[in-house]
Amino acid sequence: MLAIDDKEQTAWQEALERVNTEILKEIWDCAKKELNTEKLYNELLLAKFDGDTAAWHLAATMGNAEMLENLWEWAKEIQTTDELDKNLLLARDKKERTALHVATHWNRIEVLEKLWEFAN
């Protein structure tokens, strides 16, 4: 499930980059059966690309509100409200930007609206 390919990526990361929400859902469902909460959190939800960008920020950068919503719903299955706020809404990339900063920079209006919805 967490095997790394020749590009140093897992299937989860590959599906994120290809914006394949069906495969992401399948991987998430299988991972819930195989992995503990800590691994789900650290190795899927917070998995970094090139040591920098987590799935949450990638979805914001790409303007993919559907992916962002899926990640939020999956995180809600294993995290408290406080953890969601800290680990997703307030998470920062290596440039110290939150997903809100990224979405604003790239003018991703639908993502901004979704982030606002999650914050409330």
PDB file of N, CA and C in Angstrom:
ATOM      1  N   MET A   1       0.817  -1.196   0.000  1.00  0.00           N
ATOM      2  CA  MET A   1       0.000   0.000   0.000  1.00  0.00           C
ATOM      3  C   MET A   1       0.864   1.265   0.000  1.00  0.00           C
ATOM      4  N   LEU A   2       1.953   1.217   0.746  1.00  0.00           N
ATOM      5  CA  LEU A   2       2.818   2.385   0.839  1.00  0.00           C
ATOM      6  C   LEU A   2       4.131   2.194   0.075  1.00  0.00           C
ATOM      7  N   ALA A   3       4.141   1.200  -0.811  1.00  0.00           N
ATOM      8  CA  ALA A   3       5.344   0.948  -1.606  1.00  0.00           C
ATOM      9  C   ALA A   3       5.671   2.170  -2.455  1.00  0.00           C
ATOM     10  N   ILE A   4       6.954   2.388  -2.657  1.00  0.00           N
ATOM     11  CA  ILE A   4       7.431   3.555  -3.407  1.00  0.00           C
ATOM     12  C   ILE A   4       7.923   3.105  -4.774  1.00  0.00           C
ATOM     13  N   ASP A   5       7.546   3.857  -5.806  1.00  0.00           N
ATOM     14  CA  ASP A   5       7.949   3.524  -7.170  1.00  0.00           C
ATOM     15  C   ASP A   5       9.288   4.173  -7.521  1.00  0.00           C
ATOM     16  N   ASP A   6       9.675   4.091  -8.779  1.00  0.00           N
ATOM     17  CA  ASP A   6      10.957   4.643  -9.219  1.00  0.00           C
ATOM     18  C   ASP A   6      11.017   6.171  -9.149  1.00  0.00           C
ATOM     19  N   LYS A   7       9.861   6.817  -9.001  1.00  0.00           N
ATOM     20  CA  LYS A   7       9.819   8.282  -8.847  1.00  0.00           C
ATOM     21  C   LYS A   7       9.753   8.685  -7.370  1.00  0.00           C
ATOM     22  N   GLU A   8       9.946   7.661  -6.480  1.00  0.00           N
ATOM     23  CA  GLU A   8       9.904   7.900  -5.036  1.00  0.00           C
ATOM     24  C   GLU A   8       8.510   8.308  -4.562  1.00  0.00           C
ATOM     25  N   GLN A   9       7.468   7.781  -5.219  1.00  0.00           N
ATOM     26  CA  GLN A   9       6.091   8.100  -4.859  1.00  0.00           C
ATOM     27  C   GLN A   9       5.296   6.841  -4.570  1.00  0.00           C
ATOM     28  N   THR A  10       4.288   7.006  -3.722  1.00  0.00           N
ATOM     29  CA  THR A  10       3.349   5.921  -3.455  1.00  0.00           C
ATOM     30  C   THR A  10       2.198   6.010  -4.465  1.00  0.00           C
ATOM     31  N   ALA A  11       1.363   4.983  -4.491  1.00  0.00           N
ATOM     32  CA  ALA A  11       0.182   5.007  -5.365  1.00  0.00           C
ATOM     33  C   ALA A  11      -0.722   6.168  -4.987  1.00  0.00           C
ATOM     34  N   TRP A  12      -0.818   6.481  -3.693  1.00  0.00           N
ATOM     35  CA  TRP A  12      -1.612   7.606  -3.201  1.00  0.00           C
ATOM     36  C   TRP A  12      -1.135   8.908  -3.825  1.00  0.00           C
ATOM     37  N   GLN A  13       0.166   9.132  -3.782  1.00  0.00           N
ATOM     38  CA  GLN A  13       0.720  10.363  -4.339  1.00  0.00           C
ATOM     39  C   GLN A  13       0.501  10.440  -5.850  1.00  0.00           C
ATOM     40  N   GLU A  14       0.672   9.316  -6.524  1.00  0.00           N
ATOM     41  CA  GLU A  14       0.451   9.271  -7.975  1.00  0.00           C
ATOM     42  C   GLU A  14      -1.004   9.609  -8.310  1.00  0.00           C
ATOM     43  N   ALA A  15      -1.943   9.034  -7.555  1.00  0.00           N
ATOM     44  CA  ALA A  15      -3.363   9.314  -7.794  1.00  0.00           C
ATOM     45  C   ALA A  15      -3.690  10.782  -7.524  1.00  0.00           C
ATOM     46  N   LEU A  16      -3.068  11.364  -6.499  1.00  0.00           N
ATOM     47  CA  LEU A  16      -3.277  12.781  -6.213  1.00  0.00           C
ATOM     48  C   LEU A  16      -2.798  13.647  -7.378  1.00  0.00           C
ATOM     49  N   GLU A  17      -1.611  13.364  -7.849  1.00  0.00           N
ATOM     50  CA  GLU A  17      -1.064  14.156  -8.949  1.00  0.00           C
ATOM     51  C   GLU A  17      -1.907  14.040 -10.213  1.00  0.00           C
ATOM     52  N   ARG A  18      -2.495  12.873 -10.415  1.00  0.00           N
ATOM     53  CA  ARG A  18      -3.319  12.646 -11.607  1.00  0.00           C
ATOM     54  C   ARG A  18      -4.780  13.029 -11.370  1.00  0.00           C
ATOM     55  N   VAL A  19      -5.083  13.529 -10.173  1.00  0.00           N
ATOM     56  CA  VAL A  19      -6.423  13.957  -9.795  1.00  0.00           C
ATOM     57  C   VAL A  19      -7.436  12.839 -10.049  1.00  0.00           C
ATOM     58  N   ASN A  20      -7.081  11.655  -9.616  1.00  0.00           N
ATOM     59  CA  ASN A  20      -7.952  10.507  -9.814  1.00  0.00           C
ATOM     60  C   ASN A  20      -8.662  10.205  -8.492  1.00  0.00           C
ATOM     61  N   THR A  21      -9.820  10.826  -8.301  1.00  0.00           N
ATOM     62  CA  THR A  21     -10.528  10.702  -7.025  1.00  0.00           C
ATOM     63  C   THR A  21     -11.081   9.302  -6.797  1.00  0.00           C
ATOM     64  N   GLU A  22     -11.403   8.587  -7.859  1.00  0.00           N
ATOM     65  CA  GLU A  22     -11.899   7.214  -7.692  1.00  0.00           C
ATOM     66  C   GLU A  22     -10.816   6.314  -7.098  1.00  0.00           C
ATOM     67  N   ILE A  23      -9.614   6.415  -7.636  1.00  0.00           N
ATOM     68  CA  ILE A  23      -8.511   5.604  -7.115  1.00  0.00           C
ATOM     69  C   ILE A  23      -8.151   6.052  -5.707  1.00  0.00           C
ATOM     70  N   LEU A  24      -8.170   7.360  -5.458  1.00  0.00           N
ATOM     71  CA  LEU A  24      -7.896   7.852  -4.100  1.00  0.00           C
ATOM     72  C   LEU A  24      -8.871   7.246  -3.098  1.00  0.00           C
ATOM     73  N   LYS A  25     -10.150   7.205  -3.455  1.00  0.00           N
ATOM     74  CA  LYS A  25     -11.150   6.634  -2.561  1.00  0.00           C
ATOM     75  C   LYS A  25     -10.880   5.154  -2.318  1.00  0.00           C
ATOM     76  N   GLU A  26     -10.538   4.424  -3.370  1.00  0.00           N
ATOM     77  CA  GLU A  26     -10.225   2.992  -3.219  1.00  0.00           C
ATOM     78  C   GLU A  26      -9.020   2.790  -2.308  1.00  0.00           C
ATOM     79  N   ILE A  27      -7.981   3.592  -2.526  1.00  0.00           N
ATOM     80  CA  ILE A  27      -6.784   3.483  -1.683  1.00  0.00           C
ATOM     81  C   ILE A  27      -7.136   3.809  -0.239  1.00  0.00           C
ATOM     82  N   TRP A  28      -7.908   4.880  -0.015  1.00  0.00           N
ATOM     83  CA  TRP A  28      -8.301   5.266   1.338  1.00  0.00           C
ATOM     84  C   TRP A  28      -9.084   4.141   2.016  1.00  0.00           C
ATOM     85  N   ASP A  29     -10.059   3.579   1.310  1.00  0.00           N
ATOM     86  CA  ASP A  29     -10.875   2.508   1.883  1.00  0.00           C
ATOM     87  C   ASP A  29     -10.024   1.291   2.251  1.00  0.00           C
ATOM     88  N   CYS A  30      -9.094   0.917   1.383  1.00  0.00           N
ATOM     89  CA  CYS A  30      -8.198  -0.207   1.685  1.00  0.00           C
ATOM     90  C   CYS A  30      -7.259   0.137   2.842  1.00  0.00           C
ATOM     91  N   ALA A  31      -6.743   1.345   2.822  1.00  0.00           N
ATOM     92  CA  ALA A  31      -5.798   1.768   3.861  1.00  0.00           C
ATOM     93  C   ALA A  31      -6.449   1.772   5.242  1.00  0.00           C
ATOM     94  N   LYS A  32      -7.726   2.149   5.312  1.00  0.00           N
ATOM     95  CA  LYS A  32      -8.424   2.148   6.610  1.00  0.00           C
ATOM     96  C   LYS A  32      -8.465   0.753   7.220  1.00  0.00           C
ATOM     97  N   LYS A  33      -8.484  -0.257   6.376  1.00  0.00           N
ATOM     98  CA  LYS A  33      -8.522  -1.640   6.856  1.00  0.00           C
ATOM     99  C   LYS A  33      -7.137  -2.133   7.264  1.00  0.00           C
ATOM    100  N   GLU A  34      -6.102  -1.576   6.645  1.00  0.00           N
ATOM    101  CA  GLU A  34      -4.740  -2.081   6.824  1.00  0.00           C
ATOM    102  C   GLU A  34      -3.873  -1.248   7.772  1.00  0.00           C
ATOM    103  N   LEU A  35      -4.106   0.054   7.828  1.00  0.00           N
ATOM    104  CA  LEU A  35      -3.205   0.947   8.552  1.00  0.00           C
ATOM    105  C   LEU A  35      -3.851   1.510   9.814  1.00  0.00           C
ATOM    106  N   ASN A  36      -3.026   1.824  10.796  1.00  0.00           N
ATOM    107  CA  ASN A  36      -3.547   2.483  11.997  1.00  0.00           C
ATOM    108  C   ASN A  36      -3.757   3.972  11.711  1.00  0.00           C
ATOM    109  N   THR A  37      -4.404   4.640  12.631  1.00  0.00           N
ATOM    110  CA  THR A  37      -4.749   6.058  12.449  1.00  0.00           C
ATOM    111  C   THR A  37      -3.522   6.916  12.200  1.00  0.00           C
ATOM    112  N   GLU A  38      -2.452   6.657  12.925  1.00  0.00           N
ATOM    113  CA  GLU A  38      -1.233   7.457  12.765  1.00  0.00           C
ATOM    114  C   GLU A  38      -0.660   7.326  11.352  1.00  0.00           C
ATOM    115  N   LYS A  39      -0.626   6.112  10.822  1.00  0.00           N
ATOM    116  CA  LYS A  39      -0.115   5.916   9.459  1.00  0.00           C
ATOM    117  C   LYS A  39      -1.049   6.536   8.422  1.00  0.00           C
ATOM    118  N   LEU A  40      -2.368   6.398   8.623  1.00  0.00           N
ATOM    119  CA  LEU A  40      -3.319   7.039   7.705  1.00  0.00           C
ATOM    120  C   LEU A  40      -3.052   8.538   7.646  1.00  0.00           C
ATOM    121  N   TYR A  41      -2.873   9.101   8.798  1.00  0.00           N
ATOM    122  CA  TYR A  41      -2.668  10.544   8.909  1.00  0.00           C
ATOM    123  C   TYR A  41      -1.330  10.969   8.302  1.00  0.00           C
ATOM    124  N   ASN A  42      -0.248  10.347   8.773  1.00  0.00           N
ATOM    125  CA  ASN A  42       1.091  10.776   8.368  1.00  0.00           C
ATOM    126  C   ASN A  42       1.479  10.354   6.958  1.00  0.00           C
ATOM    127  N   GLU A  43       1.078   9.163   6.539  1.00  0.00           N
ATOM    128  CA  GLU A  43       1.578   8.649   5.277  1.00  0.00           C
ATOM    129  C   GLU A  43       0.604   8.790   4.114  1.00  0.00           C
ATOM    130  N   LEU A  44      -0.620   9.215   4.428  1.00  0.00           N
ATOM    131  CA  LEU A  44      -1.559   9.509   3.340  1.00  0.00           C
ATOM    132  C   LEU A  44      -1.944  10.983   3.379  1.00  0.00           C
ATOM    133  N   LEU A  45      -2.666  11.395   4.406  1.00  0.00           N
ATOM    134  CA  LEU A  45      -3.165  12.775   4.426  1.00  0.00           C
ATOM    135  C   LEU A  45      -2.048  13.816   4.425  1.00  0.00           C
ATOM    136  N   LEU A  46      -0.960  13.541   5.124  1.00  0.00           N
ATOM    137  CA  LEU A  46       0.132  14.516   5.181  1.00  0.00           C
ATOM    138  C   LEU A  46       1.331  14.129   4.331  1.00  0.00           C
ATOM    139  N   ALA A  47       1.182  13.126   3.474  1.00  0.00           N
ATOM    140  CA  ALA A  47       2.286  12.713   2.606  1.00  0.00           C
ATOM    141  C   ALA A  47       2.747  13.904   1.770  1.00  0.00           C
ATOM    142  N   LYS A  48       4.051  14.078   1.683  1.00  0.00           N
ATOM    143  CA  LYS A  48       4.617  15.224   0.963  1.00  0.00           C
ATOM    144  C   LYS A  48       5.146  14.793  -0.398  1.00  0.00           C
ATOM    145  N   PHE A  49       5.041  15.689  -1.349  1.00  0.00           N
ATOM    146  CA  PHE A  49       5.595  15.491  -2.680  1.00  0.00           C
ATOM    147  C   PHE A  49       6.888  16.286  -2.748  1.00  0.00           C
ATOM    148  N   ASP A  50       7.925  15.667  -3.212  1.00  0.00           N
ATOM    149  CA  ASP A  50       9.229  16.335  -3.314  1.00  0.00           C
ATOM    150  C   ASP A  50       9.643  16.943  -1.980  1.00  0.00           C
ATOM    151  N   GLY A  51       9.211  16.336  -0.883  1.00  0.00           N
ATOM    152  CA  GLY A  51       9.572  16.835   0.442  1.00  0.00           C
ATOM    153  C   GLY A  51       8.946  18.167   0.792  1.00  0.00           C
ATOM    154  N   ASP A  52       7.950  18.622   0.028  1.00  0.00           N
ATOM    155  CA  ASP A  52       7.412  19.961   0.246  1.00  0.00           C
ATOM    156  C   ASP A  52       5.896  20.019   0.345  1.00  0.00           C
ATOM    157  N   THR A  53       5.195  19.573  -0.658  1.00  0.00           N
ATOM    158  CA  THR A  53       3.769  19.839  -0.788  1.00  0.00           C
ATOM    159  C   THR A  53       2.931  18.658  -0.338  1.00  0.00           C
ATOM    160  N   ALA A  54       2.076  18.879   0.658  1.00  0.00           N
ATOM    161  CA  ALA A  54       1.152  17.835   1.110  1.00  0.00           C
ATOM    162  C   ALA A  54      -0.083  17.831   0.204  1.00  0.00           C
ATOM    163  N   ALA A  55      -0.852  16.751   0.304  1.00  0.00           N
ATOM    164  CA  ALA A  55      -2.055  16.588  -0.524  1.00  0.00           C
ATOM    165  C   ALA A  55      -2.979  17.799  -0.414  1.00  0.00           C
ATOM    166  N   TRP A  56      -3.156  18.299   0.795  1.00  0.00           N
ATOM    167  CA  TRP A  56      -4.047  19.431   1.055  1.00  0.00           C
ATOM    168  C   TRP A  56      -3.640  20.643   0.223  1.00  0.00           C
ATOM    169  N   HIS A  57      -2.343  20.969   0.239  1.00  0.00           N
ATOM    170  CA  HIS A  57      -1.846  22.111  -0.519  1.00  0.00           C
ATOM    171  C   HIS A  57      -1.881  21.847  -2.024  1.00  0.00           C
ATOM    172  N   LEU A  58      -1.629  20.598  -2.403  1.00  0.00           N
ATOM    173  CA  LEU A  58      -1.689  20.250  -3.816  1.00  0.00           C
ATOM    174  C   LEU A  58      -3.095  20.477  -4.368  1.00  0.00           C
ATOM    175  N   ALA A  59      -4.104  20.054  -3.631  1.00  0.00           N
ATOM    176  CA  ALA A  59      -5.496  20.253  -4.062  1.00  0.00           C
ATOM    177  C   ALA A  59      -5.813  21.741  -4.198  1.00  0.00           C
ATOM    178  N   ALA A  60      -5.334  22.542  -3.251  1.00  0.00           N
ATOM    179  CA  ALA A  60      -5.569  23.994  -3.308  1.00  0.00           C
ATOM    180  C   ALA A  60      -4.862  24.615  -4.509  1.00  0.00           C
ATOM    181  N   THR A  61      -3.629  24.205  -4.751  1.00  0.00           N
ATOM    182  CA  THR A  61      -2.860  24.729  -5.881  1.00  0.00           C
ATOM    183  C   THR A  61      -3.534  24.403  -7.205  1.00  0.00           C
ATOM    184  N   MET A  62      -4.025  23.176  -7.311  1.00  0.00           N
ATOM    185  CA  MET A  62      -4.647  22.721  -8.555  1.00  0.00           C
ATOM    186  C   MET A  62      -6.070  23.252  -8.714  1.00  0.00           C
ATOM    187  N   GLY A  63      -6.615  23.843  -7.671  1.00  0.00           N
ATOM    188  CA  GLY A  63      -7.978  24.357  -7.746  1.00  0.00           C
ATOM    189  C   GLY A  63      -9.010  23.252  -7.734  1.00  0.00           C
ATOM    190  N   ASN A  64      -8.672  22.148  -7.097  1.00  0.00           N
ATOM    191  CA  ASN A  64      -9.561  20.994  -7.112  1.00  0.00           C
ATOM    192  C   ASN A  64     -10.371  20.920  -5.817  1.00  0.00           C
ATOM    193  N   ALA A  65     -11.530  21.549  -5.824  1.00  0.00           N
ATOM    194  CA  ALA A  65     -12.399  21.596  -4.643  1.00  0.00           C
ATOM    195  C   ALA A  65     -12.937  20.215  -4.281  1.00  0.00           C
ATOM    196  N   GLU A  66     -13.190  19.379  -5.287  1.00  0.00           N
ATOM    197  CA  GLU A  66     -13.687  18.031  -5.009  1.00  0.00           C
ATOM    198  C   GLU A  66     -12.644  17.214  -4.237  1.00  0.00           C
ATOM    199  N   MET A  67     -11.393  17.288  -4.671  1.00  0.00           N
ATOM    200  CA  MET A  67     -10.329  16.575  -3.974  1.00  0.00           C
ATOM    201  C   MET A  67     -10.168  17.117  -2.554  1.00  0.00           C
ATOM    202  N   LEU A  68     -10.236  18.428  -2.419  1.00  0.00           N
ATOM    203  CA  LEU A  68     -10.122  19.053  -1.105  1.00  0.00           C
ATOM    204  C   LEU A  68     -11.240  18.558  -0.182  1.00  0.00           C
ATOM    205  N   GLU A  69     -12.447  18.481  -0.710  1.00  0.00           N
ATOM    206  CA  GLU A  69     -13.573  18.000   0.090  1.00  0.00           C
ATOM    207  C   GLU A  69     -13.385  16.537   0.487  1.00  0.00           C
ATOM    208  N   ASN A  70     -12.913  15.708  -0.440  1.00  0.00           N
ATOM    209  CA  ASN A  70     -12.646  14.311  -0.103  1.00  0.00           C
ATOM    210  C   ASN A  70     -11.603  14.208   1.007  1.00  0.00           C
ATOM    211  N   LEU A  71     -10.511  14.939   0.868  1.00  0.00           N
ATOM    212  CA  LEU A  71      -9.463  14.906   1.895  1.00  0.00           C
ATOM    213  C   LEU A  71     -10.017  15.347   3.249  1.00  0.00           C
ATOM    214  N   TRP A  72     -10.853  16.384   3.244  1.00  0.00           N
ATOM    215  CA  TRP A  72     -11.464  16.882   4.478  1.00  0.00           C
ATOM    216  C   TRP A  72     -12.351  15.809   5.120  1.00  0.00           C
ATOM    217  N   GLU A  73     -13.188  15.172   4.309  1.00  0.00           N
ATOM    218  CA  GLU A  73     -14.088  14.143   4.827  1.00  0.00           C
ATOM    219  C   GLU A  73     -13.301  12.950   5.376  1.00  0.00           C
ATOM    220  N   TRP A  74     -12.254  12.549   4.667  1.00  0.00           N
ATOM    221  CA  TRP A  74     -11.445  11.432   5.143  1.00  0.00           C
ATOM    222  C   TRP A  74     -10.720  11.803   6.430  1.00  0.00           C
ATOM    223  N   ALA A  75     -10.215  13.017   6.506  1.00  0.00           N
ATOM    224  CA  ALA A  75      -9.529  13.467   7.727  1.00  0.00           C
ATOM    225  C   ALA A  75     -10.489  13.506   8.906  1.00  0.00           C
ATOM    226  N   LYS A  76     -11.745  13.892   8.654  1.00  0.00           N
ATOM    227  CA  LYS A  76     -12.749  13.933   9.727  1.00  0.00           C
ATOM    228  C   LYS A  76     -12.986  12.549  10.335  1.00  0.00           C
ATOM    229  N   GLU A  77     -12.733  11.501   9.567  1.00  0.00           N
ATOM    230  CA  GLU A  77     -12.921  10.144  10.068  1.00  0.00           C
ATOM    231  C   GLU A  77     -11.901   9.790  11.147  1.00  0.00           C
ATOM    232  N   ILE A  78     -10.749  10.453  11.129  1.00  0.00           N
ATOM    233  CA  ILE A  78      -9.675  10.061  12.045  1.00  0.00           C
ATOM    234  C   ILE A  78      -9.137  11.201  12.904  1.00  0.00           C
ATOM    235  N   GLN A  79      -9.679  12.412  12.758  1.00  0.00           N
ATOM    236  CA  GLN A  79      -9.164  13.556  13.500  1.00  0.00           C
ATOM    237  C   GLN A  79     -10.282  14.308  14.216  1.00  0.00           C
ATOM    238  N   THR A  80      -9.905  14.969  15.305  1.00  0.00           N
ATOM    239  CA  THR A  80     -10.841  15.832  16.021  1.00  0.00           C
ATOM    240  C   THR A  80     -10.934  17.170  15.293  1.00  0.00           C
ATOM    241  N   THR A  81     -11.885  17.985  15.682  1.00  0.00           N
ATOM    242  CA  THR A  81     -12.032  19.323  15.078  1.00  0.00           C
ATOM    243  C   THR A  81     -10.772  20.147  15.278  1.00  0.00           C
ATOM    244  N   ASP A  82     -10.211  20.111  16.484  1.00  0.00           N
ATOM    245  CA  ASP A  82      -8.983  20.872  16.741  1.00  0.00           C
ATOM    246  C   ASP A  82      -7.836  20.382  15.868  1.00  0.00           C
ATOM    247  N   GLU A  83      -7.728  19.071  15.701  1.00  0.00           N
ATOM    248  CA  GLU A  83      -6.666  18.520  14.857  1.00  0.00           C
ATOM    249  C   GLU A  83      -6.870  18.913  13.400  1.00  0.00           C
ATOM    250  N   LEU A  84      -8.111  18.920  12.949  1.00  0.00           N
ATOM    251  CA  LEU A  84      -8.396  19.343  11.572  1.00  0.00           C
ATOM    252  C   LEU A  84      -7.962  20.784  11.354  1.00  0.00           C
ATOM    253  N   ASP A  85      -8.300  21.646  12.302  1.00  0.00           N
ATOM    254  CA  ASP A  85      -7.919  23.052  12.187  1.00  0.00           C
ATOM    255  C   ASP A  85      -6.404  23.194  12.121  1.00  0.00           C
ATOM    256  N   LYS A  86      -5.726  22.548  13.050  1.00  0.00           N
ATOM    257  CA  LYS A  86      -4.270  22.674  13.136  1.00  0.00           C
ATOM    258  C   LYS A  86      -3.563  21.991  11.969  1.00  0.00           C
ATOM    259  N   ASN A  87      -3.978  20.780  11.640  1.00  0.00           N
ATOM    260  CA  ASN A  87      -3.230  19.970  10.692  1.00  0.00           C
ATOM    261  C   ASN A  87      -3.626  20.143   9.239  1.00  0.00           C
ATOM    262  N   LEU A  88      -4.778  20.727   8.991  1.00  0.00           N
ATOM    263  CA  LEU A  88      -5.177  20.977   7.603  1.00  0.00           C
ATOM    264  C   LEU A  88      -5.379  22.464   7.348  1.00  0.00           C
ATOM    265  N   LEU A  89      -6.341  23.068   8.013  1.00  0.00           N
ATOM    266  CA  LEU A  89      -6.648  24.476   7.729  1.00  0.00           C
ATOM    267  C   LEU A  89      -5.463  25.399   7.998  1.00  0.00           C
ATOM    268  N   LEU A  90      -4.706  25.126   9.051  1.00  0.00           N
ATOM    269  CA  LEU A  90      -3.586  26.000   9.409  1.00  0.00           C
ATOM    270  C   LEU A  90      -2.229  25.436   9.008  1.00  0.00           C
ATOM    271  N   ALA A  91      -2.218  24.283   8.337  1.00  0.00           N
ATOM    272  CA  ALA A  91      -0.957  23.672   7.905  1.00  0.00           C
ATOM    273  C   ALA A  91      -0.235  24.593   6.929  1.00  0.00           C
ATOM    274  N   ARG A  92       1.081  24.596   7.041  1.00  0.00           N
ATOM    275  CA  ARG A  92       1.899  25.463   6.184  1.00  0.00           C
ATOM    276  C   ARG A  92       2.886  24.643   5.375  1.00  0.00           C
ATOM    277  N   ASP A  93       3.155  25.125   4.170  1.00  0.00           N
ATOM    278  CA  ASP A  93       4.164  24.477   3.339  1.00  0.00           C
ATOM    279  C   ASP A  93       5.539  25.059   3.671  1.00  0.00           C
ATOM    280  N   LYS A  94       6.565  24.669   2.918  1.00  0.00           N
ATOM    281  CA  LYS A  94       7.914  25.138   3.264  1.00  0.00           C
ATOM    282  C   LYS A  94       8.081  26.648   3.064  1.00  0.00           C
ATOM    283  N   LYS A  95       7.160  27.260   2.322  1.00  0.00           N
ATOM    284  CA  LYS A  95       7.185  28.718   2.150  1.00  0.00           C
ATOM    285  C   LYS A  95       6.307  29.412   3.187  1.00  0.00           C
ATOM    286  N   GLU A  96       5.830  28.618   4.176  1.00  0.00           N
ATOM    287  CA  GLU A  96       4.987  29.125   5.272  1.00  0.00           C
ATOM    288  C   GLU A  96       3.603  29.574   4.815  1.00  0.00           C
ATOM    289  N   ARG A  97       3.108  29.018   3.703  1.00  0.00           N
ATOM    290  CA  ARG A  97       1.785  29.369   3.188  1.00  0.00           C
ATOM    291  C   ARG A  97       0.762  28.314   3.605  1.00  0.00           C
ATOM    292  N   THR A  98      -0.418  28.774   3.972  1.00  0.00           N
ATOM    293  CA  THR A  98      -1.528  27.858   4.209  1.00  0.00           C
ATOM    294  C   THR A  98      -2.204  27.572   2.865  1.00  0.00           C
ATOM    295  N   ALA A  99      -3.128  26.625   2.865  1.00  0.00           N
ATOM    296  CA  ALA A  99      -3.888  26.341   1.635  1.00  0.00           C
ATOM    297  C   ALA A  99      -4.666  27.582   1.205  1.00  0.00           C
ATOM    298  N   LEU A 100      -5.110  28.378   2.161  1.00  0.00           N
ATOM    299  CA  LEU A 100      -5.812  29.619   1.849  1.00  0.00           C
ATOM    300  C   LEU A 100      -4.908  30.578   1.074  1.00  0.00           C
ATOM    301  N   HIS A 101      -3.646  30.698   1.509  1.00  0.00           N
ATOM    302  CA  HIS A 101      -2.686  31.535   0.781  1.00  0.00           C
ATOM    303  C   HIS A 101      -2.503  31.032  -0.646  1.00  0.00           C
ATOM    304  N   VAL A 102      -2.339  29.714  -0.768  1.00  0.00           N
ATOM    305  CA  VAL A 102      -2.095  29.112  -2.084  1.00  0.00           C
ATOM    306  C   VAL A 102      -3.288  29.338  -3.005  1.00  0.00           C
ATOM    307  N   ALA A 103      -4.492  29.079  -2.499  1.00  0.00           N
ATOM    308  CA  ALA A 103      -5.702  29.259  -3.307  1.00  0.00           C
ATOM    309  C   ALA A 103      -5.874  30.724  -3.717  1.00  0.00           C
ATOM    310  N   THR A 104      -5.558  31.629  -2.821  1.00  0.00           N
ATOM    311  CA  THR A 104      -5.649  33.056  -3.131  1.00  0.00           C
ATOM    312  C   THR A 104      -4.645  33.427  -4.217  1.00  0.00           C
ATOM    313  N   HIS A 105      -3.414  32.953  -4.052  1.00  0.00           N
ATOM    314  CA  HIS A 105      -2.362  33.252  -5.026  1.00  0.00           C
ATOM    315  C   HIS A 105      -2.753  32.807  -6.435  1.00  0.00           C
ATOM    316  N   TRP A 106      -3.348  31.620  -6.549  1.00  0.00           N
ATOM    317  CA  TRP A 106      -3.712  31.072  -7.848  1.00  0.00           C
ATOM    318  C   TRP A 106      -5.143  31.411  -8.264  1.00  0.00           C
ATOM    319  N   ASN A 107      -5.810  32.262  -7.477  1.00  0.00           N
ATOM    320  CA  ASN A 107      -7.173  32.707  -7.793  1.00  0.00           C
ATOM    321  C   ASN A 107      -8.142  31.534  -7.944  1.00  0.00           C
ATOM    322  N   ARG A 108      -8.087  30.609  -6.991  1.00  0.00           N
ATOM    323  CA  ARG A 108      -8.938  29.418  -6.996  1.00  0.00           C
ATOM    324  C   ARG A 108     -10.184  29.694  -6.155  1.00  0.00           C
ATOM    325  N   ILE A 109     -11.147  30.379  -6.732  1.00  0.00           N
ATOM    326  CA  ILE A 109     -12.336  30.844  -6.027  1.00  0.00           C
ATOM    327  C   ILE A 109     -13.125  29.698  -5.399  1.00  0.00           C
ATOM    328  N   GLU A 110     -13.364  28.629  -6.146  1.00  0.00           N
ATOM    329  CA  GLU A 110     -14.129  27.500  -5.607  1.00  0.00           C
ATOM    330  C   GLU A 110     -13.422  26.879  -4.393  1.00  0.00           C
ATOM    331  N   VAL A 111     -12.105  26.807  -4.462  1.00  0.00           N
ATOM    332  CA  VAL A 111     -11.329  26.279  -3.333  1.00  0.00           C
ATOM    333  C   VAL A 111     -11.419  27.233  -2.145  1.00  0.00           C
ATOM    334  N   LEU A 112     -11.331  28.518  -2.396  1.00  0.00           N
ATOM    335  CA  LEU A 112     -11.467  29.504  -1.314  1.00  0.00           C
ATOM    336  C   LEU A 112     -12.819  29.359  -0.615  1.00  0.00           C
ATOM    337  N   GLU A 113     -13.862  29.206  -1.396  1.00  0.00           N
ATOM    338  CA  GLU A 113     -15.201  29.032  -0.824  1.00  0.00           C
ATOM    339  C   GLU A 113     -15.275  27.752   0.017  1.00  0.00           C
ATOM    340  N   LYS A 114     -14.649  26.686  -0.478  1.00  0.00           N
ATOM    341  CA  LYS A 114     -14.665  25.409   0.239  1.00  0.00           C
ATOM    342  C   LYS A 114     -13.871  25.531   1.545  1.00  0.00           C
ATOM    343  N   LEU A 115     -12.731  26.176   1.510  1.00  0.00           N
ATOM    344  CA  LEU A 115     -11.924  26.380   2.719  1.00  0.00           C
ATOM    345  C   LEU A 115     -12.692  27.203   3.751  1.00  0.00           C
ATOM    346  N   TRP A 116     -13.398  28.223   3.283  1.00  0.00           N
ATOM    347  CA  TRP A 116     -14.217  29.046   4.174  1.00  0.00           C
ATOM    348  C   TRP A 116     -15.308  28.199   4.828  1.00  0.00           C
ATOM    349  N   GLU A 117     -15.935  27.348   4.033  1.00  0.00           N
ATOM    350  CA  GLU A 117     -16.972  26.445   4.539  1.00  0.00           C
ATOM    351  C   GLU A 117     -16.400  25.532   5.637  1.00  0.00           C
ATOM    352  N   PHE A 118     -15.208  24.971   5.389  1.00  0.00           N
ATOM    353  CA  PHE A 118     -14.592  24.089   6.378  1.00  0.00           C
ATOM    354  C   PHE A 118     -14.239  24.851   7.660  1.00  0.00           C
ATOM    355  N   ALA A 119     -13.821  26.088   7.515  1.00  0.00           N
ATOM    356  CA  ALA A 119     -13.419  26.882   8.688  1.00  0.00           C
ATOM    357  C   ALA A 119     -14.599  27.249   9.568  1.00  0.00           C
ATOM    358  N   ASN A 120     -15.783  27.269   8.979  1.00  0.00           N
ATOM    359  CA  ASN A 120     -16.967  27.613   9.754  1.00  0.00           C
ATOM    360  C   ASN A 120     -17.637  26.361  10.169  1.00  0.00           C
TER     361      ASN A 120
END
